[in-house]
């Protein structure tokens, strides 16, 4: 993206969102000065996202379920299992 000012072609300059270095923008959506900075910023975002997911999994361990892969034939037994799982996950009975 080039901008004309008084007949001269000017390239917009911006600061890299990762390292803070000044760089010439080659297109409007450019946020980082290099691919290396873009990769590092992405890794940092992924670390924060994965950390949040791990905290949620610790609070609500859903992997150890009382429910089976398919429904029980006996409705009362199925209801009992669902209520038991609800109590385990949310710490209370319905």
PDB file of N, CA and C in Angstrom:
ATOM      1  N   UNK A   1       0.845  -1.169   0.000  1.00  0.00           N
ATOM      2  CA  UNK A   1       0.000   0.000   0.000  1.00  0.00           C
ATOM      3  C   UNK A   1       0.894   1.236   0.000  1.00  0.00           C
ATOM      4  N   UNK A   2       0.812   2.025  -1.014  1.00  0.00           N
ATOM      5  CA  UNK A   2       1.599   3.255  -1.093  1.00  0.00           C
ATOM      6  C   UNK A   2       0.658   4.447  -1.077  1.00  0.00           C
ATOM      7  N   UNK A   3       1.052   5.469  -0.385  1.00  0.00           N
ATOM      8  CA  UNK A   3       0.244   6.672  -0.264  1.00  0.00           C
ATOM      9  C   UNK A   3       0.986   7.808  -0.971  1.00  0.00           C
ATOM     10  N   UNK A   4       0.259   8.580  -1.768  1.00  0.00           N
ATOM     11  CA  UNK A   4       0.885   9.734  -2.426  1.00  0.00           C
ATOM     12  C   UNK A   4       0.649  10.987  -1.599  1.00  0.00           C
ATOM     13  N   UNK A   5       1.721  11.670  -1.267  1.00  0.00           N
ATOM     14  CA  UNK A   5       1.630  12.931  -0.539  1.00  0.00           C
ATOM     15  C   UNK A   5       2.433  13.959  -1.337  1.00  0.00           C
ATOM     16  N   UNK A   6       1.766  14.993  -1.811  1.00  0.00           N
ATOM     17  CA  UNK A   6       2.393  16.044  -2.628  1.00  0.00           C
ATOM     18  C   UNK A   6       3.163  15.462  -3.813  1.00  0.00           C
ATOM     19  N   UNK A   7       2.606  14.396  -4.431  1.00  0.00           N
ATOM     20  CA  UNK A   7       3.231  13.818  -5.614  1.00  0.00           C
ATOM     21  C   UNK A   7       4.298  12.786  -5.310  1.00  0.00           C
ATOM     22  N   UNK A   8       4.723  12.642  -4.059  1.00  0.00           N
ATOM     23  CA  UNK A   8       5.741  11.655  -3.691  1.00  0.00           C
ATOM     24  C   UNK A   8       5.065  10.385  -3.188  1.00  0.00           C
ATOM     25  N   UNK A   9       5.640   9.249  -3.534  1.00  0.00           N
ATOM     26  CA  UNK A   9       5.106   7.985  -3.043  1.00  0.00           C
ATOM     27  C   UNK A   9       5.681   7.724  -1.644  1.00  0.00           C
ATOM     28  N   UNK A  10       4.792   7.576  -0.696  1.00  0.00           N
ATOM     29  CA  UNK A  10       5.217   7.334   0.688  1.00  0.00           C
ATOM     30  C   UNK A  10       4.690   5.964   1.118  1.00  0.00           C
ATOM     31  N   UNK A  11       5.501   5.220   1.857  1.00  0.00           N
ATOM     32  CA  UNK A  11       5.079   3.940   2.400  1.00  0.00           C
ATOM     33  C   UNK A  11       4.783   4.139   3.880  1.00  0.00           C
ATOM     34  N   UNK A  12       3.613   3.701   4.350  1.00  0.00           N
ATOM     35  CA  UNK A  12       3.289   3.856   5.769  1.00  0.00           C
ATOM     36  C   UNK A  12       4.273   3.067   6.648  1.00  0.00           C
ATOM     37  N   UNK A  13       4.618   3.646   7.764  1.00  0.00           N
ATOM     38  CA  UNK A  13       5.519   3.012   8.723  1.00  0.00           C
ATOM     39  C   UNK A  13       4.729   2.755   9.996  1.00  0.00           C
ATOM     40  N   UNK A  14       4.938   1.579  10.574  1.00  0.00           N
ATOM     41  CA  UNK A  14       4.234   1.196  11.792  1.00  0.00           C
ATOM     42  C   UNK A  14       5.211   0.481  12.715  1.00  0.00           C
ATOM     43  N   UNK A  15       4.828   0.340  13.992  1.00  0.00           N
ATOM     44  CA  UNK A  15       5.646  -0.391  14.962  1.00  0.00           C
ATOM     45  C   UNK A  15       5.144  -1.824  15.052  1.00  0.00           C
ATOM     46  N   UNK A  16       6.056  -2.762  15.095  1.00  0.00           N
ATOM     47  CA  UNK A  16       5.733  -4.178  15.215  1.00  0.00           C
ATOM     48  C   UNK A  16       5.041  -4.419  16.553  1.00  0.00           C
ATOM     49  N   UNK A  17       3.951  -5.176  16.541  1.00  0.00           N
ATOM     50  CA  UNK A  17       3.210  -5.445  17.778  1.00  0.00           C
ATOM     51  C   UNK A  17       3.931  -6.425  18.690  1.00  0.00           C
ATOM     52  N   UNK A  18       4.947  -7.125  18.179  1.00  0.00           N
ATOM     53  CA  UNK A  18       5.680  -8.072  19.010  1.00  0.00           C
ATOM     54  C   UNK A  18       6.972  -7.466  19.550  1.00  0.00           C
ATOM     55  N   UNK A  19       7.831  -6.946  18.663  1.00  0.00           N
ATOM     56  CA  UNK A  19       9.148  -6.464  19.113  1.00  0.00           C
ATOM     57  C   UNK A  19       9.236  -4.941  19.209  1.00  0.00           C
ATOM     58  N   UNK A  20       8.276  -4.235  18.621  1.00  0.00           N
ATOM     59  CA  UNK A  20       8.269  -2.775  18.697  1.00  0.00           C
ATOM     60  C   UNK A  20       9.119  -2.079  17.643  1.00  0.00           C
ATOM     61  N   UNK A  21       9.804  -2.842  16.806  1.00  0.00           N
ATOM     62  CA  UNK A  21      10.661  -2.275  15.762  1.00  0.00           C
ATOM     63  C   UNK A  21       9.798  -1.607  14.683  1.00  0.00           C
ATOM     64  N   UNK A  22      10.267  -0.489  14.134  1.00  0.00           N
ATOM     65  CA  UNK A  22       9.554   0.188  13.049  1.00  0.00           C
ATOM     66  C   UNK A  22       9.789  -0.556  11.733  1.00  0.00           C
ATOM     67  N   UNK A  23       8.743  -0.643  10.915  1.00  0.00           N
ATOM     68  CA  UNK A  23       8.845  -1.327   9.631  1.00  0.00           C
ATOM     69  C   UNK A  23       7.902  -0.670   8.636  1.00  0.00           C
ATOM     70  N   UNK A  24       8.161  -0.901   7.358  1.00  0.00           N
ATOM     71  CA  UNK A  24       7.291  -0.389   6.296  1.00  0.00           C
ATOM     72  C   UNK A  24       6.188  -1.397   6.044  1.00  0.00           C
ATOM     73  N   UNK A  25       4.955  -0.925   6.094  1.00  0.00           N
ATOM     74  CA  UNK A  25       3.818  -1.807   5.830  1.00  0.00           C
ATOM     75  C   UNK A  25       3.730  -2.104   4.342  1.00  0.00           C
ATOM     76  N   UNK A  26       3.641  -3.384   4.026  1.00  0.00           N
ATOM     77  CA  UNK A  26       3.493  -3.776   2.625  1.00  0.00           C
ATOM     78  C   UNK A  26       2.020  -3.918   2.241  1.00  0.00           C
ATOM     79  N   UNK A  27       1.158  -4.125   3.263  1.00  0.00           N
ATOM     80  CA  UNK A  27      -0.282  -4.144   3.032  1.00  0.00           C
ATOM     81  C   UNK A  27      -0.982  -3.650   4.296  1.00  0.00           C
ATOM     82  N   UNK A  28      -2.241  -3.335   4.178  1.00  0.00           N
ATOM     83  CA  UNK A  28      -2.997  -2.665   5.235  1.00  0.00           C
ATOM     84  C   UNK A  28      -3.064  -3.479   6.531  1.00  0.00           C
ATOM     85  N   UNK A  29      -3.215  -4.791   6.426  1.00  0.00           N
ATOM     86  CA  UNK A  29      -3.422  -5.628   7.603  1.00  0.00           C
ATOM     87  C   UNK A  29      -2.142  -6.094   8.285  1.00  0.00           C
ATOM     88  N   UNK A  30      -1.014  -5.661   7.838  1.00  0.00           N
ATOM     89  CA  UNK A  30       0.262  -6.088   8.404  1.00  0.00           C
ATOM     90  C   UNK A  30       0.398  -5.590   9.840  1.00  0.00           C
ATOM     91  N   UNK A  31       0.746  -6.502  10.774  1.00  0.00           N
ATOM     92  CA  UNK A  31       0.876  -6.142  12.186  1.00  0.00           C
ATOM     93  C   UNK A  31       2.278  -6.368  12.730  1.00  0.00           C
ATOM     94  N   UNK A  32       3.067  -7.205  12.043  1.00  0.00           N
ATOM     95  CA  UNK A  32       4.386  -7.595  12.530  1.00  0.00           C
ATOM     96  C   UNK A  32       5.437  -7.296  11.471  1.00  0.00           C
ATOM     97  N   UNK A  33       6.657  -7.029  11.929  1.00  0.00           N
ATOM     98  CA  UNK A  33       7.722  -6.647  11.002  1.00  0.00           C
ATOM     99  C   UNK A  33       8.266  -7.827  10.206  1.00  0.00           C
ATOM    100  N   UNK A  34       8.154  -9.034  10.760  1.00  0.00           N
ATOM    101  CA  UNK A  34       8.688 -10.207  10.074  1.00  0.00           C
ATOM    102  C   UNK A  34       7.836 -11.426  10.392  1.00  0.00           C
ATOM    103  N   UNK A  35       8.092 -12.486   9.655  1.00  0.00           N
ATOM    104  CA  UNK A  35       7.382 -13.727   9.905  1.00  0.00           C
ATOM    105  C   UNK A  35       7.767 -14.304  11.265  1.00  0.00           C
ATOM    106  N   UNK A  36       9.013 -14.086  11.670  1.00  0.00           N
ATOM    107  CA  UNK A  36       9.479 -14.571  12.977  1.00  0.00           C
ATOM    108  C   UNK A  36       8.662 -13.943  14.115  1.00  0.00           C
ATOM    109  N   UNK A  37       8.442 -12.626  14.056  1.00  0.00           N
ATOM    110  CA  UNK A  37       7.639 -11.947  15.076  1.00  0.00           C
ATOM    111  C   UNK A  37       6.194 -12.437  15.047  1.00  0.00           C
ATOM    112  N   UNK A  38       5.675 -12.692  13.869  1.00  0.00           N
ATOM    113  CA  UNK A  38       4.306 -13.178  13.732  1.00  0.00           C
ATOM    114  C   UNK A  38       4.175 -14.561  14.373  1.00  0.00           C
ATOM    115  N   UNK A  39       5.170 -15.427  14.134  1.00  0.00           N
ATOM    116  CA  UNK A  39       5.150 -16.777  14.704  1.00  0.00           C
ATOM    117  C   UNK A  39       5.244 -16.711  16.224  1.00  0.00           C
ATOM    118  N   UNK A  40       6.126 -15.866  16.756  1.00  0.00           N
ATOM    119  CA  UNK A  40       6.287 -15.743  18.211  1.00  0.00           C
ATOM    120  C   UNK A  40       5.011 -15.207  18.861  1.00  0.00           C
ATOM    121  N   UNK A  41       4.383 -14.231  18.238  1.00  0.00           N
ATOM    122  CA  UNK A  41       3.138 -13.680  18.779  1.00  0.00           C
ATOM    123  C   UNK A  41       2.048 -14.753  18.781  1.00  0.00           C
ATOM    124  N   UNK A  42       2.002 -15.541  17.730  1.00  0.00           N
ATOM    125  CA  UNK A  42       1.024 -16.622  17.641  1.00  0.00           C
ATOM    126  C   UNK A  42       1.259 -17.656  18.748  1.00  0.00           C
ATOM    127  N   UNK A  43       2.536 -17.992  18.980  1.00  0.00           N
ATOM    128  CA  UNK A  43       2.863 -18.947  20.046  1.00  0.00           C
ATOM    129  C   UNK A  43       2.420 -18.425  21.405  1.00  0.00           C
ATOM    130  N   UNK A  44       2.629 -17.151  21.651  1.00  0.00           N
ATOM    131  CA  UNK A  44       2.228 -16.549  22.923  1.00  0.00           C
ATOM    132  C   UNK A  44       0.708 -16.595  23.098  1.00  0.00           C
ATOM    133  N   UNK A  45      -0.033 -16.282  22.031  1.00  0.00           N
ATOM    134  CA  UNK A  45      -1.500 -16.369  22.094  1.00  0.00           C
ATOM    135  C   UNK A  45      -1.945 -17.797  22.365  1.00  0.00           C
ATOM    136  N   UNK A  46      -1.293 -18.757  21.689  1.00  0.00           N
ATOM    137  CA  UNK A  46      -1.637 -20.160  21.880  1.00  0.00           C
ATOM    138  C   UNK A  46      -1.334 -20.612  23.304  1.00  0.00           C
ATOM    139  N   UNK A  47      -0.202 -20.154  23.865  1.00  0.00           N
ATOM    140  CA  UNK A  47       0.134 -20.515  25.251  1.00  0.00           C
ATOM    141  C   UNK A  47      -0.939 -20.022  26.211  1.00  0.00           C
ATOM    142  N   UNK A  48      -1.367 -18.783  26.048  1.00  0.00           N
ATOM    143  CA  UNK A  48      -2.390 -18.216  26.931  1.00  0.00           C
ATOM    144  C   UNK A  48      -3.709 -18.979  26.779  1.00  0.00           C
ATOM    145  N   UNK A  49      -4.079 -19.294  25.555  1.00  0.00           N
ATOM    146  CA  UNK A  49      -5.321 -20.020  25.299  1.00  0.00           C
ATOM    147  C   UNK A  49      -5.258 -21.413  25.927  1.00  0.00           C
ATOM    148  N   UNK A  50      -4.149 -22.121  25.728  1.00  0.00           N
ATOM    149  CA  UNK A  50      -4.013 -23.472  26.262  1.00  0.00           C
ATOM    150  C   UNK A  50      -3.962 -23.467  27.787  1.00  0.00           C
ATOM    151  N   UNK A  51      -3.361 -22.442  28.381  1.00  0.00           N
ATOM    152  CA  UNK A  51      -3.316 -22.332  29.839  1.00  0.00           C
ATOM    153  C   UNK A  51      -4.738 -22.191  30.386  1.00  0.00           C
ATOM    154  N   UNK A  52      -5.538 -21.374  29.740  1.00  0.00           N
ATOM    155  CA  UNK A  52      -6.927 -21.183  30.164  1.00  0.00           C
ATOM    156  C   UNK A  52      -7.710 -22.497  30.034  1.00  0.00           C
ATOM    157  N   UNK A  53      -7.489 -23.227  28.945  1.00  0.00           N
ATOM    158  CA  UNK A  53      -8.167 -24.508  28.754  1.00  0.00           C
ATOM    159  C   UNK A  53      -7.769 -25.501  29.845  1.00  0.00           C
ATOM    160  N   UNK A  54      -6.474 -25.533  30.213  1.00  0.00           N
ATOM    161  CA  UNK A  54      -6.015 -26.446  31.265  1.00  0.00           C
ATOM    162  C   UNK A  54      -6.663 -26.125  32.600  1.00  0.00           C
ATOM    163  N   UNK A  55      -6.798 -24.829  32.917  1.00  0.00           N
ATOM    164  CA  UNK A  55      -7.431 -24.425  34.173  1.00  0.00           C
ATOM    165  C   UNK A  55      -8.892 -24.858  34.219  1.00  0.00           C
ATOM    166  N   UNK A  56      -9.586 -24.731  33.102  1.00  0.00           N
ATOM    167  CA  UNK A  56     -10.983 -25.153  33.037  1.00  0.00           C
ATOM    168  C   UNK A  56     -11.076 -26.669  33.217  1.00  0.00           C
ATOM    169  N   UNK A  57     -10.166 -27.411  32.588  1.00  0.00           N
ATOM    170  CA  UNK A  57     -10.186 -28.874  32.723  1.00  0.00           C
ATOM    171  C   UNK A  57      -9.911 -29.303  34.156  1.00  0.00           C
ATOM    172  N   UNK A  58      -9.047 -28.573  34.869  1.00  0.00           N
ATOM    173  CA  UNK A  58      -8.784 -28.905  36.273  1.00  0.00           C
ATOM    174  C   UNK A  58     -10.019 -28.665  37.129  1.00  0.00           C
ATOM    175  N   UNK A  59     -10.735 -27.586  36.838  1.00  0.00           N
ATOM    176  CA  UNK A  59     -11.944 -27.278  37.603  1.00  0.00           C
ATOM    177  C   UNK A  59     -13.057 -28.275  37.326  1.00  0.00           C
ATOM    178  N   UNK A  60     -13.207 -28.641  36.065  1.00  0.00           N
ATOM    179  CA  UNK A  60     -14.297 -29.519  35.646  1.00  0.00           C
ATOM    180  C   UNK A  60     -13.729 -30.725  34.906  1.00  0.00           C
ATOM    181  N   UNK A  61     -13.255 -31.751  35.638  1.00  0.00           N
ATOM    182  CA  UNK A  61     -12.670 -32.914  34.975  1.00  0.00           C
ATOM    183  C   UNK A  61     -13.749 -33.768  34.310  1.00  0.00           C
ATOM    184  N   UNK A  62     -13.990 -33.532  33.051  1.00  0.00           N
ATOM    185  CA  UNK A  62     -15.084 -34.202  32.350  1.00  0.00           C
ATOM    186  C   UNK A  62     -14.696 -35.566  31.795  1.00  0.00           C
ATOM    187  N   UNK A  63     -13.435 -35.893  31.807  1.00  0.00           N
ATOM    188  CA  UNK A  63     -12.995 -37.140  31.188  1.00  0.00           C
ATOM    189  C   UNK A  63     -13.399 -38.390  31.940  1.00  0.00           C
ATOM    190  N   UNK A  64     -13.671 -38.292  33.238  1.00  0.00           N
ATOM    191  CA  UNK A  64     -14.026 -39.463  34.027  1.00  0.00           C
ATOM    192  C   UNK A  64     -15.526 -39.475  34.256  1.00  0.00           C
ATOM    193  N   UNK A  65     -16.243 -39.864  33.263  1.00  0.00           N
ATOM    194  CA  UNK A  65     -17.701 -39.797  33.288  1.00  0.00           C
ATOM    195  C   UNK A  65     -18.320 -41.085  33.805  1.00  0.00           C
ATOM    196  N   UNK A  66     -19.471 -40.955  34.436  1.00  0.00           N
ATOM    197  CA  UNK A  66     -20.268 -42.110  34.839  1.00  0.00           C
ATOM    198  C   UNK A  66     -21.176 -42.568  33.706  1.00  0.00           C
ATOM    199  N   UNK A  67     -21.279 -41.770  32.653  1.00  0.00           N
ATOM    200  CA  UNK A  67     -22.179 -42.090  31.544  1.00  0.00           C
ATOM    201  C   UNK A  67     -21.521 -43.069  30.583  1.00  0.00           C
ATOM    202  N   UNK A  68     -22.320 -43.863  29.938  1.00  0.00           N
ATOM    203  CA  UNK A  68     -21.829 -44.830  28.958  1.00  0.00           C
ATOM    204  C   UNK A  68     -21.825 -44.191  27.572  1.00  0.00           C
ATOM    205  N   UNK A  69     -21.266 -44.911  26.613  1.00  0.00           N
ATOM    206  CA  UNK A  69     -21.237 -44.423  25.244  1.00  0.00           C
ATOM    207  C   UNK A  69     -22.607 -44.404  24.591  1.00  0.00           C
ATOM    208  N   UNK A  70     -23.508 -45.244  25.067  1.00  0.00           N
ATOM    209  CA  UNK A  70     -24.858 -45.274  24.508  1.00  0.00           C
ATOM    210  C   UNK A  70     -25.875 -45.267  25.652  1.00  0.00           C
ATOM    211  N   UNK A  71     -27.123 -44.990  25.314  1.00  0.00           N
ATOM    212  CA  UNK A  71     -28.187 -44.919  26.317  1.00  0.00           C
ATOM    213  C   UNK A  71     -28.438 -46.269  26.958  1.00  0.00           C
ATOM    214  N   UNK A  72     -28.877 -46.210  28.194  1.00  0.00           N
ATOM    215  CA  UNK A  72     -29.343 -47.408  28.891  1.00  0.00           C
ATOM    216  C   UNK A  72     -30.734 -47.763  28.378  1.00  0.00           C
ATOM    217  N   UNK A  73     -31.065 -49.024  28.355  1.00  0.00           N
ATOM    218  CA  UNK A  73     -32.411 -49.436  27.931  1.00  0.00           C
ATOM    219  C   UNK A  73     -33.433 -49.075  29.003  1.00  0.00           C
ATOM    220  N   UNK A  74     -33.006 -49.122  30.247  1.00  0.00           N
ATOM    221  CA  UNK A  74     -33.875 -48.790  31.368  1.00  0.00           C
ATOM    222  C   UNK A  74     -33.809 -47.278  31.605  1.00  0.00           C
ATOM    223  N   UNK A  75     -34.926 -46.572  31.383  1.00  0.00           N
ATOM    224  CA  UNK A  75     -34.950 -45.114  31.502  1.00  0.00           C
ATOM    225  C   UNK A  75     -34.573 -44.649  32.913  1.00  0.00           C
ATOM    226  N   UNK A  76     -35.083 -45.333  33.953  1.00  0.00           N
ATOM    227  CA  UNK A  76     -34.781 -44.931  35.333  1.00  0.00           C
ATOM    228  C   UNK A  76     -33.296 -45.041  35.639  1.00  0.00           C
ATOM    229  N   UNK A  77     -32.656 -46.084  35.132  1.00  0.00           N
ATOM    230  CA  UNK A  77     -31.207 -46.262  35.316  1.00  0.00           C
ATOM    231  C   UNK A  77     -30.449 -45.146  34.609  1.00  0.00           C
ATOM    232  N   UNK A  78     -30.868 -44.808  33.384  1.00  0.00           N
ATOM    233  CA  UNK A  78     -30.231 -43.726  32.621  1.00  0.00           C
ATOM    234  C   UNK A  78     -30.378 -42.397  33.353  1.00  0.00           C
ATOM    235  N   UNK A  79     -31.571 -42.104  33.868  1.00  0.00           N
ATOM    236  CA  UNK A  79     -31.812 -40.874  34.611  1.00  0.00           C
ATOM    237  C   UNK A  79     -30.925 -40.812  35.853  1.00  0.00           C
ATOM    238  N   UNK A  80     -30.794 -41.926  36.533  1.00  0.00           N
ATOM    239  CA  UNK A  80     -29.945 -41.981  37.730  1.00  0.00           C
ATOM    240  C   UNK A  80     -28.485 -41.678  37.373  1.00  0.00           C
ATOM    241  N   UNK A  81     -27.995 -42.243  36.260  1.00  0.00           N
ATOM    242  CA  UNK A  81     -26.615 -41.995  35.825  1.00  0.00           C
ATOM    243  C   UNK A  81     -26.406 -40.532  35.432  1.00  0.00           C
ATOM    244  N   UNK A  82     -27.373 -39.951  34.732  1.00  0.00           N
ATOM    245  CA  UNK A  82     -27.270 -38.551  34.314  1.00  0.00           C
ATOM    246  C   UNK A  82     -27.249 -37.643  35.540  1.00  0.00           C
ATOM    247  N   UNK A  83     -28.114 -37.895  36.509  1.00  0.00           N
ATOM    248  CA  UNK A  83     -28.139 -37.070  37.722  1.00  0.00           C
ATOM    249  C   UNK A  83     -26.855 -37.229  38.531  1.00  0.00           C
ATOM    250  N   UNK A  84     -26.324 -38.439  38.567  1.00  0.00           N
ATOM    251  CA  UNK A  84     -25.059 -38.676  39.272  1.00  0.00           C
ATOM    252  C   UNK A  84     -23.923 -37.900  38.611  1.00  0.00           C
ATOM    253  N   UNK A  85     -23.881 -37.922  37.270  1.00  0.00           N
ATOM    254  CA  UNK A  85     -22.847 -37.185  36.538  1.00  0.00           C
ATOM    255  C   UNK A  85     -23.011 -35.682  36.725  1.00  0.00           C
ATOM    256  N   UNK A  86     -24.242 -35.211  36.703  1.00  0.00           N
ATOM    257  CA  UNK A  86     -24.525 -33.784  36.927  1.00  0.00           C
ATOM    258  C   UNK A  86     -24.005 -33.362  38.302  1.00  0.00           C
ATOM    259  N   UNK A  87     -24.258 -34.178  39.310  1.00  0.00           N
ATOM    260  CA  UNK A  87     -23.787 -33.880  40.656  1.00  0.00           C
ATOM    261  C   UNK A  87     -22.274 -33.875  40.748  1.00  0.00           C
ATOM    262  N   UNK A  88     -21.635 -34.815  40.042  1.00  0.00           N
ATOM    263  CA  UNK A  88     -20.169 -34.871  40.063  1.00  0.00           C
ATOM    264  C   UNK A  88     -19.553 -33.629  39.431  1.00  0.00           C
ATOM    265  N   UNK A  89     -20.120 -33.206  38.299  1.00  0.00           N
ATOM    266  CA  UNK A  89     -19.561 -32.065  37.568  1.00  0.00           C
ATOM    267  C   UNK A  89     -19.863 -30.750  38.274  1.00  0.00           C
ATOM    268  N   UNK A  90     -21.102 -30.559  38.702  1.00  0.00           N
ATOM    269  CA  UNK A  90     -21.506 -29.270  39.254  1.00  0.00           C
ATOM    270  C   UNK A  90     -21.557 -29.262  40.786  1.00  0.00           C
ATOM    271  N   UNK A  91     -21.286 -30.372  41.409  1.00  0.00           N
ATOM    272  CA  UNK A  91     -21.218 -30.433  42.859  1.00  0.00           C
ATOM    273  C   UNK A  91     -22.567 -30.395  43.565  1.00  0.00           C
ATOM    274  N   UNK A  92     -23.612 -30.775  42.886  1.00  0.00           N
ATOM    275  CA  UNK A  92     -24.936 -30.768  43.503  1.00  0.00           C
ATOM    276  C   UNK A  92     -25.866 -31.683  42.729  1.00  0.00           C
ATOM    277  N   UNK A  93     -26.957 -32.009  43.336  1.00  0.00           N
ATOM    278  CA  UNK A  93     -27.984 -32.824  42.691  1.00  0.00           C
ATOM    279  C   UNK A  93     -29.076 -31.908  42.169  1.00  0.00           C
ATOM    280  N   UNK A  94     -29.707 -32.336  41.089  1.00  0.00           N
ATOM    281  CA  UNK A  94     -30.823 -31.545  40.549  1.00  0.00           C
ATOM    282  C   UNK A  94     -32.057 -31.803  41.326  1.00  0.00           C
TER     283      UNK A  94
END
